Amino acid sequence: MKEIKAYIKPIKLEKVVEALKENNFKSVTLIECEGTGAYKREDSLPSLKFHFADSKMIKLELVCQDEEAEKVIEIICKNASTPYPADGIIYISDVKDVFRIKTCKSIKKFDF
């Protein structure tokens, strides 16, 4: 299994999530966040909460089967891209196992 973490622009969130749902990737975790990177917009201002951050982002997380990871990446890239710099980034990690809290049982093959 693969865990996919994608940092995308908030304006692209609805388009990305709808595209994932249309392709049967329905279980997605979304987290509002701020970050900083190599690119900095001229009109960006520091956050009141985080004095180093200059970019509002959404962190999108999902877990899928190994063979589905490339499809998820394609969907995110196609739907999160803008004509401007700093669209975001995607990280992929291996997932050793998944457990349901209710049963405390491993579910190595799952359909969320």
N, C-alpha and C. Protein backbone atom coordinates (compact mmCIF):
# COMPACT_ATOMS: atom_id res chain seq x y z
N MET A 1 0.83 -1.18 0.00
CA MET A 1 0.00 0.00 0.00
C MET A 1 0.88 1.25 0.00
N LYS A 2 0.31 2.33 -0.48
CA LYS A 2 1.01 3.61 -0.54
C LYS A 2 0.19 4.68 0.17
N GLU A 3 0.89 5.55 0.88
CA GLU A 3 0.27 6.75 1.44
C GLU A 3 0.69 7.91 0.55
N ILE A 4 -0.28 8.66 0.13
CA ILE A 4 -0.01 9.81 -0.73
C ILE A 4 -0.37 11.06 0.04
N LYS A 5 0.59 11.97 0.15
CA LYS A 5 0.38 13.27 0.77
C LYS A 5 0.62 14.32 -0.31
N ALA A 6 -0.40 15.11 -0.56
CA ALA A 6 -0.28 16.15 -1.58
C ALA A 6 -0.59 17.50 -0.94
N TYR A 7 0.26 18.46 -1.19
CA TYR A 7 0.04 19.84 -0.74
C TYR A 7 -0.40 20.63 -1.96
N ILE A 8 -1.66 21.11 -1.93
CA ILE A 8 -2.23 21.78 -3.11
C ILE A 8 -2.79 23.14 -2.71
N LYS A 9 -3.02 23.97 -3.70
CA LYS A 9 -3.62 25.29 -3.49
C LYS A 9 -5.10 25.13 -3.12
N PRO A 10 -5.59 25.91 -2.16
CA PRO A 10 -6.99 25.81 -1.76
C PRO A 10 -7.98 25.99 -2.91
N ILE A 11 -7.64 26.83 -3.88
CA ILE A 11 -8.57 27.05 -5.01
C ILE A 11 -8.75 25.81 -5.88
N LYS A 12 -7.87 24.84 -5.75
CA LYS A 12 -7.95 23.62 -6.55
C LYS A 12 -8.55 22.44 -5.78
N LEU A 13 -8.86 22.65 -4.51
CA LEU A 13 -9.31 21.55 -3.65
C LEU A 13 -10.55 20.85 -4.20
N GLU A 14 -11.59 21.60 -4.49
CA GLU A 14 -12.84 20.98 -4.94
C GLU A 14 -12.63 20.17 -6.22
N LYS A 15 -11.89 20.71 -7.16
CA LYS A 15 -11.64 20.02 -8.43
C LYS A 15 -10.88 18.71 -8.20
N VAL A 16 -9.87 18.73 -7.33
CA VAL A 16 -9.07 17.54 -7.06
C VAL A 16 -9.91 16.48 -6.36
N VAL A 17 -10.66 16.86 -5.33
CA VAL A 17 -11.46 15.90 -4.58
C VAL A 17 -12.55 15.30 -5.47
N GLU A 18 -13.21 16.10 -6.27
CA GLU A 18 -14.23 15.57 -7.18
C GLU A 18 -13.64 14.58 -8.17
N ALA A 19 -12.48 14.89 -8.71
CA ALA A 19 -11.82 13.98 -9.66
C ALA A 19 -11.43 12.67 -8.98
N LEU A 20 -10.95 12.74 -7.74
CA LEU A 20 -10.62 11.52 -7.01
C LEU A 20 -11.87 10.68 -6.77
N LYS A 21 -12.97 11.33 -6.36
CA LYS A 21 -14.23 10.60 -6.13
C LYS A 21 -14.73 9.94 -7.40
N GLU A 22 -14.65 10.65 -8.53
CA GLU A 22 -15.08 10.10 -9.82
C GLU A 22 -14.29 8.86 -10.20
N ASN A 23 -13.09 8.73 -9.65
CA ASN A 23 -12.23 7.58 -9.94
C ASN A 23 -12.19 6.60 -8.77
N ASN A 24 -13.21 6.66 -7.90
CA ASN A 24 -13.40 5.74 -6.78
C ASN A 24 -12.37 5.85 -5.66
N PHE A 25 -11.75 6.99 -5.51
CA PHE A 25 -10.89 7.27 -4.35
C PHE A 25 -11.69 8.21 -3.45
N LYS A 26 -12.46 7.61 -2.54
CA LYS A 26 -13.44 8.39 -1.78
C LYS A 26 -12.99 8.76 -0.38
N SER A 27 -12.02 8.06 0.16
CA SER A 27 -11.57 8.35 1.53
C SER A 27 -10.33 9.22 1.48
N VAL A 28 -10.53 10.49 1.77
CA VAL A 28 -9.46 11.47 1.71
C VAL A 28 -9.49 12.30 2.98
N THR A 29 -8.33 12.57 3.55
CA THR A 29 -8.22 13.46 4.69
C THR A 29 -7.69 14.79 4.20
N LEU A 30 -8.31 15.88 4.68
CA LEU A 30 -7.92 17.23 4.27
C LEU A 30 -7.55 18.04 5.49
N ILE A 31 -6.44 18.76 5.39
CA ILE A 31 -5.94 19.58 6.49
C ILE A 31 -5.53 20.93 5.94
N GLU A 32 -6.05 22.01 6.54
CA GLU A 32 -5.60 23.35 6.15
C GLU A 32 -4.22 23.58 6.75
N CYS A 33 -3.33 24.13 5.97
CA CYS A 33 -1.98 24.37 6.48
C CYS A 33 -1.36 25.57 5.77
N GLU A 34 -0.20 25.95 6.23
CA GLU A 34 0.57 27.02 5.60
C GLU A 34 2.00 26.52 5.46
N GLY A 35 2.68 27.03 4.46
CA GLY A 35 4.04 26.60 4.27
C GLY A 35 4.88 27.65 3.58
N THR A 36 6.11 27.32 3.42
CA THR A 36 7.04 28.19 2.71
C THR A 36 7.94 27.31 1.87
N GLY A 37 8.44 27.85 0.81
CA GLY A 37 9.29 27.09 -0.08
C GLY A 37 10.21 28.00 -0.85
N ALA A 38 10.75 27.50 -1.94
CA ALA A 38 11.70 28.26 -2.74
C ALA A 38 11.02 29.45 -3.43
N TYR A 39 9.74 29.27 -3.80
CA TYR A 39 9.02 30.34 -4.49
C TYR A 39 8.28 31.20 -3.48
N LYS A 40 8.33 32.50 -3.64
CA LYS A 40 7.60 33.41 -2.76
C LYS A 40 6.94 34.48 -3.63
N ARG A 41 5.61 34.58 -3.52
CA ARG A 41 4.88 35.61 -4.25
C ARG A 41 5.28 36.98 -3.73
N GLU A 42 5.31 37.95 -4.62
CA GLU A 42 5.66 39.31 -4.22
C GLU A 42 4.65 39.91 -3.25
N ASP A 43 3.38 39.52 -3.36
CA ASP A 43 2.34 40.10 -2.50
C ASP A 43 2.06 39.27 -1.26
N SER A 44 2.87 38.24 -0.99
CA SER A 44 2.61 37.39 0.18
C SER A 44 2.99 38.10 1.47
N LEU A 45 2.22 37.80 2.49
CA LEU A 45 2.45 38.38 3.80
C LEU A 45 2.65 37.25 4.80
N PRO A 46 3.44 37.48 5.83
CA PRO A 46 3.60 36.44 6.84
C PRO A 46 2.28 36.18 7.56
N SER A 47 2.08 34.95 7.97
CA SER A 47 0.89 34.59 8.72
C SER A 47 0.95 35.15 10.12
N LEU A 48 -0.20 35.42 10.69
CA LEU A 48 -0.24 35.87 12.08
C LEU A 48 0.07 34.71 13.03
N LYS A 49 -0.21 33.49 12.59
CA LYS A 49 0.05 32.31 13.42
C LYS A 49 1.48 31.81 13.26
N PHE A 50 1.95 31.77 12.02
CA PHE A 50 3.27 31.21 11.71
C PHE A 50 4.09 32.30 11.03
N HIS A 51 5.05 32.81 11.70
CA HIS A 51 5.76 33.97 11.20
C HIS A 51 6.69 33.68 10.02
N PHE A 52 6.83 32.41 9.65
CA PHE A 52 7.69 32.07 8.53
C PHE A 52 6.90 31.67 7.28
N ALA A 53 5.61 31.43 7.43
CA ALA A 53 4.81 30.89 6.33
C ALA A 53 4.36 31.98 5.37
N ASP A 54 4.32 31.63 4.09
CA ASP A 54 3.88 32.61 3.11
C ASP A 54 2.88 32.06 2.11
N SER A 55 2.40 30.85 2.34
CA SER A 55 1.51 30.24 1.36
C SER A 55 0.47 29.37 2.03
N LYS A 56 -0.80 29.68 1.82
CA LYS A 56 -1.89 28.83 2.31
C LYS A 56 -1.95 27.60 1.42
N MET A 57 -2.09 26.44 2.04
CA MET A 57 -2.15 25.17 1.30
C MET A 57 -3.19 24.26 1.94
N ILE A 58 -3.55 23.22 1.22
CA ILE A 58 -4.35 22.12 1.74
C ILE A 58 -3.50 20.87 1.64
N LYS A 59 -3.40 20.15 2.75
CA LYS A 59 -2.72 18.86 2.75
C LYS A 59 -3.79 17.79 2.55
N LEU A 60 -3.65 17.05 1.48
CA LEU A 60 -4.57 15.98 1.14
C LEU A 60 -3.84 14.66 1.38
N GLU A 61 -4.45 13.76 2.14
CA GLU A 61 -3.84 12.46 2.42
C GLU A 61 -4.79 11.35 2.02
N LEU A 62 -4.24 10.30 1.44
CA LEU A 62 -5.01 9.09 1.19
C LEU A 62 -4.08 7.90 1.10
N VAL A 63 -4.65 6.73 1.32
CA VAL A 63 -3.91 5.47 1.22
C VAL A 63 -4.58 4.65 0.12
N CYS A 64 -3.76 4.04 -0.72
CA CYS A 64 -4.28 3.23 -1.82
C CYS A 64 -3.39 2.01 -2.04
N GLN A 65 -3.84 1.12 -2.87
CA GLN A 65 -3.03 -0.04 -3.24
C GLN A 65 -1.86 0.43 -4.10
N ASP A 66 -0.76 -0.32 -4.07
CA ASP A 66 0.44 0.05 -4.82
C ASP A 66 0.14 0.36 -6.28
N GLU A 67 -0.68 -0.49 -6.90
CA GLU A 67 -0.94 -0.35 -8.33
C GLU A 67 -1.84 0.86 -8.64
N GLU A 68 -2.45 1.47 -7.64
CA GLU A 68 -3.31 2.63 -7.85
C GLU A 68 -2.58 3.97 -7.67
N ALA A 69 -1.39 3.93 -7.11
CA ALA A 69 -0.67 5.16 -6.76
C ALA A 69 -0.42 6.06 -7.96
N GLU A 70 0.01 5.51 -9.06
CA GLU A 70 0.30 6.34 -10.24
C GLU A 70 -0.96 7.04 -10.74
N LYS A 71 -2.09 6.36 -10.70
CA LYS A 71 -3.36 6.96 -11.13
C LYS A 71 -3.73 8.13 -10.22
N VAL A 72 -3.56 7.96 -8.91
CA VAL A 72 -3.85 9.03 -7.95
C VAL A 72 -2.96 10.24 -8.23
N ILE A 73 -1.69 10.00 -8.46
CA ILE A 73 -0.75 11.08 -8.75
C ILE A 73 -1.16 11.83 -10.01
N GLU A 74 -1.52 11.09 -11.05
CA GLU A 74 -1.97 11.72 -12.30
C GLU A 74 -3.21 12.59 -12.08
N ILE A 75 -4.16 12.07 -11.31
CA ILE A 75 -5.39 12.82 -11.03
C ILE A 75 -5.07 14.12 -10.29
N ILE A 76 -4.23 14.01 -9.28
CA ILE A 76 -3.89 15.21 -8.50
C ILE A 76 -3.15 16.22 -9.37
N CYS A 77 -2.15 15.78 -10.10
CA CYS A 77 -1.38 16.70 -10.95
C CYS A 77 -2.26 17.38 -11.99
N LYS A 78 -3.11 16.62 -12.65
CA LYS A 78 -3.98 17.18 -13.69
C LYS A 78 -4.94 18.22 -13.12
N ASN A 79 -5.47 17.97 -11.93
CA ASN A 79 -6.51 18.82 -11.39
C ASN A 79 -6.02 19.90 -10.43
N ALA A 80 -4.78 19.82 -9.98
CA ALA A 80 -4.25 20.83 -9.04
C ALA A 80 -3.33 21.83 -9.73
N SER A 81 -3.01 21.59 -10.97
CA SER A 81 -2.09 22.46 -11.69
C SER A 81 -2.72 23.82 -12.00
N THR A 82 -1.90 24.87 -11.92
CA THR A 82 -2.31 26.23 -12.29
C THR A 82 -1.26 26.79 -13.24
N PRO A 83 -1.51 27.93 -13.85
CA PRO A 83 -0.49 28.54 -14.71
C PRO A 83 0.60 29.27 -13.92
N TYR A 84 0.53 29.22 -12.61
CA TYR A 84 1.45 29.98 -11.76
C TYR A 84 2.45 29.07 -11.06
N PRO A 85 3.55 29.61 -10.56
CA PRO A 85 4.53 28.81 -9.83
C PRO A 85 3.95 28.31 -8.49
N ALA A 86 4.61 27.33 -7.94
CA ALA A 86 4.32 26.83 -6.58
C ALA A 86 2.94 26.22 -6.43
N ASP A 87 2.59 25.30 -7.33
CA ASP A 87 1.30 24.60 -7.24
C ASP A 87 1.25 23.63 -6.07
N GLY A 88 2.38 23.16 -5.62
CA GLY A 88 2.40 22.21 -4.51
C GLY A 88 3.37 21.08 -4.76
N ILE A 89 3.22 20.03 -3.96
CA ILE A 89 4.14 18.90 -4.04
C ILE A 89 3.42 17.65 -3.56
N ILE A 90 3.87 16.49 -4.02
CA ILE A 90 3.29 15.20 -3.63
C ILE A 90 4.39 14.32 -3.06
N TYR A 91 4.09 13.69 -1.92
CA TYR A 91 5.00 12.71 -1.31
C TYR A 91 4.33 11.35 -1.32
N ILE A 92 5.12 10.30 -1.56
CA ILE A 92 4.62 8.92 -1.55
C ILE A 92 5.42 8.13 -0.52
N SER A 93 4.71 7.40 0.34
CA SER A 93 5.36 6.56 1.34
C SER A 93 4.75 5.16 1.30
N ASP A 94 5.55 4.18 1.68
CA ASP A 94 5.04 2.81 1.80
C ASP A 94 4.28 2.68 3.11
N VAL A 95 3.19 1.94 3.07
CA VAL A 95 2.39 1.65 4.26
C VAL A 95 2.54 0.16 4.56
N LYS A 96 3.03 -0.14 5.72
CA LYS A 96 3.27 -1.53 6.10
C LYS A 96 1.97 -2.27 6.40
N ASP A 97 1.04 -1.60 7.07
CA ASP A 97 -0.20 -2.25 7.46
C ASP A 97 -1.24 -1.19 7.81
N VAL A 98 -2.50 -1.59 7.84
CA VAL A 98 -3.62 -0.73 8.22
C VAL A 98 -4.49 -1.51 9.19
N PHE A 99 -4.93 -0.85 10.27
CA PHE A 99 -5.77 -1.49 11.27
C PHE A 99 -7.05 -0.69 11.45
N ARG A 100 -8.17 -1.39 11.56
CA ARG A 100 -9.43 -0.76 11.94
C ARG A 100 -9.44 -0.59 13.45
N ILE A 101 -9.77 0.58 13.92
CA ILE A 101 -9.81 0.84 15.35
C ILE A 101 -10.89 -0.01 16.02
N LYS A 102 -12.05 -0.10 15.41
CA LYS A 102 -13.18 -0.84 16.00
C LYS A 102 -12.82 -2.29 16.30
N THR A 103 -12.15 -2.97 15.36
CA THR A 103 -11.87 -4.41 15.51
C THR A 103 -10.43 -4.71 15.91
N CYS A 104 -9.57 -3.72 15.77
CA CYS A 104 -8.13 -3.90 16.00
C CYS A 104 -7.55 -5.00 15.10
N LYS A 105 -8.15 -5.18 13.93
CA LYS A 105 -7.71 -6.19 12.96
C LYS A 105 -7.04 -5.51 11.78
N SER A 106 -6.03 -6.19 11.27
CA SER A 106 -5.33 -5.71 10.09
C SER A 106 -6.21 -5.84 8.86
N ILE A 107 -6.16 -4.86 7.99
CA ILE A 107 -6.90 -4.91 6.73
C ILE A 107 -5.96 -4.56 5.59
N LYS A 108 -5.07 -5.47 5.26
CA LYS A 108 -4.04 -5.21 4.25
C LYS A 108 -4.64 -4.88 2.89
N LYS A 109 -5.73 -5.49 2.54
CA LYS A 109 -6.43 -5.18 1.29
C LYS A 109 -7.75 -4.54 1.68
N PHE A 110 -7.94 -3.30 1.29
CA PHE A 110 -9.12 -2.60 1.74
C PHE A 110 -9.77 -1.83 0.60
N ASP A 111 -11.03 -1.49 0.83
CA ASP A 111 -11.78 -0.66 -0.10
C ASP A 111 -12.44 0.43 0.74
N PHE A 112 -11.81 1.57 0.79
CA PHE A 112 -12.33 2.66 1.61
C PHE A 112 -13.39 3.39 0.84
